[in-house]
N, C-alpha and C. Protein backbone atom coordinates (compact mmCIF):
# COMPACT_ATOMS: atom_id res chain seq x y z
N UNK A 1 88.00 104.96 104.80
CA UNK A 1 86.81 105.65 105.34
C UNK A 1 85.21 104.66 104.70
N UNK A 2 84.69 104.73 105.91
CA UNK A 2 83.91 104.10 105.58
C UNK A 2 82.52 104.94 104.79
N UNK A 3 81.59 104.66 104.29
CA UNK A 3 80.58 105.15 103.52
C UNK A 3 79.61 105.69 104.47
N UNK A 4 79.28 105.14 105.85
CA UNK A 4 78.38 105.78 106.53
C UNK A 4 79.28 106.91 107.51
N UNK A 5 80.42 106.89 107.85
CA UNK A 5 81.41 107.87 108.28
C UNK A 5 81.15 109.20 107.29
N UNK A 6 81.62 108.65 105.90
CA UNK A 6 81.54 109.56 104.61
C UNK A 6 80.37 110.58 104.65
N UNK A 7 79.44 109.89 105.03
CA UNK A 7 78.26 110.57 104.91
C UNK A 7 77.75 111.22 105.80
N UNK A 8 78.07 111.11 106.91
CA UNK A 8 78.01 111.50 108.76
C UNK A 8 78.94 112.85 108.52
N UNK A 9 79.63 113.09 107.82
CA UNK A 9 80.62 114.06 108.06
C UNK A 9 80.11 114.99 106.99
N UNK A 10 79.87 114.48 106.06
CA UNK A 10 79.13 115.45 104.66
C UNK A 10 77.99 116.30 105.47
N UNK A 11 76.96 115.02 106.36
CA UNK A 11 75.82 115.59 106.61
C UNK A 11 75.97 116.74 107.66
N UNK A 12 77.20 116.28 108.39
CA UNK A 12 77.71 117.71 109.54
C UNK A 12 78.10 118.97 108.85
N UNK A 13 79.14 118.79 107.62
CA UNK A 13 79.27 119.94 107.11
C UNK A 13 78.29 121.05 106.78
N UNK A 14 77.14 119.90 106.30
CA UNK A 14 75.53 120.44 105.19
C UNK A 14 74.99 121.63 106.48
N UNK A 15 74.99 120.46 107.73
CA UNK A 15 74.10 121.74 108.80
C UNK A 15 75.33 122.58 109.13
N UNK A 16 76.30 122.68 109.29
CA UNK A 16 77.06 123.76 109.80
C UNK A 16 77.46 124.76 109.12
N UNK A 17 77.34 124.73 107.54
CA UNK A 17 77.66 125.66 106.77
C UNK A 17 76.24 125.80 105.93
N UNK A 18 75.17 125.24 106.25
CA UNK A 18 73.75 125.57 106.09
C UNK A 18 73.79 125.62 104.27
N UNK A 19 74.05 124.63 104.08
CA UNK A 19 73.93 123.99 102.55
C UNK A 19 72.63 123.19 102.77
N UNK A 20 71.43 123.51 102.07
CA UNK A 20 70.37 122.70 101.83
C UNK A 20 70.52 121.63 101.13
N UNK A 21 70.91 121.55 100.46
CA UNK A 21 70.70 120.25 99.38
C UNK A 21 72.29 119.69 98.81
N UNK A 22 72.60 118.43 98.66
CA UNK A 22 73.70 117.99 98.55
C UNK A 22 73.47 117.06 97.90
N UNK A 23 74.62 116.71 96.81
CA UNK A 23 74.63 115.53 96.17
C UNK A 23 75.84 115.29 95.61
N UNK A 24 76.29 113.48 95.80
CA UNK A 24 77.78 113.41 95.64
C UNK A 24 78.15 113.89 94.13
N UNK A 25 77.45 113.97 93.05
CA UNK A 25 77.60 114.69 91.94
C UNK A 25 78.39 116.07 91.98
N UNK A 26 77.53 116.86 93.04
CA UNK A 26 78.53 118.06 93.07
C UNK A 26 79.54 118.42 93.06
N UNK A 27 80.29 117.24 93.95
CA UNK A 27 81.94 117.15 93.97
C UNK A 27 82.65 116.99 92.84
N UNK A 28 81.92 116.15 91.94
CA UNK A 28 82.55 115.78 90.78
C UNK A 28 82.25 116.81 89.75
N UNK A 29 81.49 117.71 90.00
CA UNK A 29 80.88 118.94 88.95
C UNK A 29 81.91 119.83 89.15
N UNK A 30 82.17 120.17 90.57
CA UNK A 30 82.95 121.09 90.89
C UNK A 30 84.30 120.76 90.74
N UNK A 31 84.80 120.01 90.53
CA UNK A 31 86.07 119.39 90.34
C UNK A 31 86.59 119.70 89.05
N UNK A 32 85.25 119.10 88.25
CA UNK A 32 85.46 119.08 86.43
C UNK A 32 85.69 120.85 86.47
N UNK A 33 85.02 121.55 86.82
CA UNK A 33 85.03 123.07 86.26
C UNK A 33 86.19 123.78 87.26
N UNK A 34 86.71 123.45 88.39
CA UNK A 34 88.13 124.26 88.68
C UNK A 34 89.20 123.44 88.00
N UNK A 35 89.08 122.32 87.98
CA UNK A 35 90.26 121.73 87.30
C UNK A 35 90.73 122.16 85.95
N UNK A 36 89.43 122.60 85.08
CA UNK A 36 89.28 123.19 83.74
C UNK A 36 90.11 124.18 83.77
N UNK A 37 89.28 125.64 85.08
CA UNK A 37 89.88 126.40 85.07
C UNK A 37 91.77 126.50 85.68
N UNK A 38 92.10 125.18 86.09
CA UNK A 38 93.84 125.45 86.22
C UNK A 38 94.36 124.92 85.09
N UNK A 39 94.01 125.02 83.77
CA UNK A 39 94.30 124.36 82.71
C UNK A 39 94.61 122.70 82.81
N UNK A 40 93.97 122.08 83.43
CA UNK A 40 94.12 120.10 83.49
C UNK A 40 93.32 119.81 82.06
N UNK A 41 93.90 119.52 81.76
CA UNK A 41 93.15 118.97 80.04
C UNK A 41 92.05 118.03 80.43
N UNK A 42 90.87 117.96 79.67
CA UNK A 42 90.00 117.39 79.64
C UNK A 42 90.50 116.01 79.67
N UNK A 43 91.25 115.52 79.05
CA UNK A 43 91.69 113.83 78.90
C UNK A 43 92.05 113.43 80.12
N UNK A 44 93.06 114.25 80.92
CA UNK A 44 93.42 114.36 82.19
C UNK A 44 92.10 114.28 83.55
N UNK A 45 91.36 114.86 83.26
CA UNK A 45 89.99 115.25 84.55
C UNK A 45 88.93 113.93 84.07
N UNK A 46 89.43 113.10 82.79
CA UNK A 46 88.59 112.38 82.38
C UNK A 46 88.86 111.34 83.51
N UNK A 47 90.11 110.96 83.02
CA UNK A 47 90.74 109.54 83.86
C UNK A 47 90.91 109.87 85.12
N UNK A 48 90.89 111.23 85.52
CA UNK A 48 91.07 111.37 87.27
C UNK A 48 89.15 110.73 87.84
N UNK A 49 88.55 111.05 87.17
CA UNK A 49 87.02 110.72 87.44
C UNK A 49 86.31 109.27 86.69
N UNK A 50 87.48 108.79 86.22
CA UNK A 50 87.37 107.00 85.52
C UNK A 50 86.32 107.33 84.26
N UNK A 51 86.39 108.22 83.86
CA UNK A 51 85.47 107.97 82.49
C UNK A 51 85.89 107.12 81.52
N UNK A 52 84.80 106.41 80.87
CA UNK A 52 85.43 105.39 79.60
C UNK A 52 86.02 106.39 78.62
N UNK A 53 87.14 106.16 78.20
CA UNK A 53 87.51 106.56 76.76
C UNK A 53 87.62 105.41 75.85
N UNK A 54 87.20 105.55 74.82
CA UNK A 54 86.57 104.84 73.90
C UNK A 54 87.16 104.65 72.44
N UNK A 55 88.07 105.68 71.94
CA UNK A 55 88.94 105.60 71.21
C UNK A 55 89.69 104.31 71.09
N UNK A 56 90.36 104.11 69.93
CA UNK A 56 90.94 102.83 69.59
C UNK A 56 92.23 102.74 70.52
N UNK A 57 92.87 103.82 70.63
CA UNK A 57 94.44 104.18 71.28
C UNK A 57 94.26 103.88 73.02
N UNK A 58 93.01 104.48 73.48
CA UNK A 58 92.97 104.38 75.11
C UNK A 58 92.32 102.98 75.07
N UNK A 59 91.54 102.10 74.21
CA UNK A 59 91.22 100.88 74.57
C UNK A 59 92.31 99.93 74.24
N UNK A 60 93.11 99.49 73.07
CA UNK A 60 93.55 99.07 72.89
C UNK A 60 95.56 99.11 73.30
N UNK A 61 96.08 100.13 73.17
CA UNK A 61 97.05 101.01 73.29
C UNK A 61 97.56 101.82 74.43
N UNK A 62 97.13 102.24 74.99
CA UNK A 62 97.24 103.32 76.06
C UNK A 62 97.39 102.51 77.32
N UNK A 63 98.50 101.41 77.96
CA UNK A 63 98.23 100.92 79.06
C UNK A 63 98.35 101.02 80.59
N UNK A 64 99.20 102.69 80.28
CA UNK A 64 99.55 103.30 81.87
C UNK A 64 98.16 103.97 82.60
N UNK A 65 98.65 103.64 83.84
CA UNK A 65 97.39 103.74 84.52
C UNK A 65 96.94 105.00 85.28
N UNK A 66 98.15 106.06 85.23
CA UNK A 66 97.72 107.54 85.38
C UNK A 66 97.24 107.49 86.83
N UNK A 67 97.86 106.81 87.68
CA UNK A 67 97.74 106.64 88.93
C UNK A 67 98.29 108.17 89.51
N UNK A 68 99.23 108.43 89.04
CA UNK A 68 100.44 109.51 89.65
C UNK A 68 99.60 110.73 89.63
N UNK A 69 98.96 111.21 88.55
CA UNK A 69 98.42 112.26 87.90
C UNK A 69 97.31 112.22 88.65
């Protein structure tokens, strides 16, 4: 899906549901909160959102890509 198409769909959704202000970060924040309520660990939530993990194990040892998760 192109960014223009996504933008158009989001704009249409906001108008339909009377959402005044929307930024993409809202999706990320909502996901992080709801996934936590579902007991998904913070590590997995961070990986899903491509947050950098800076501990030695994550940087050098763990080569699994977690795509399926």
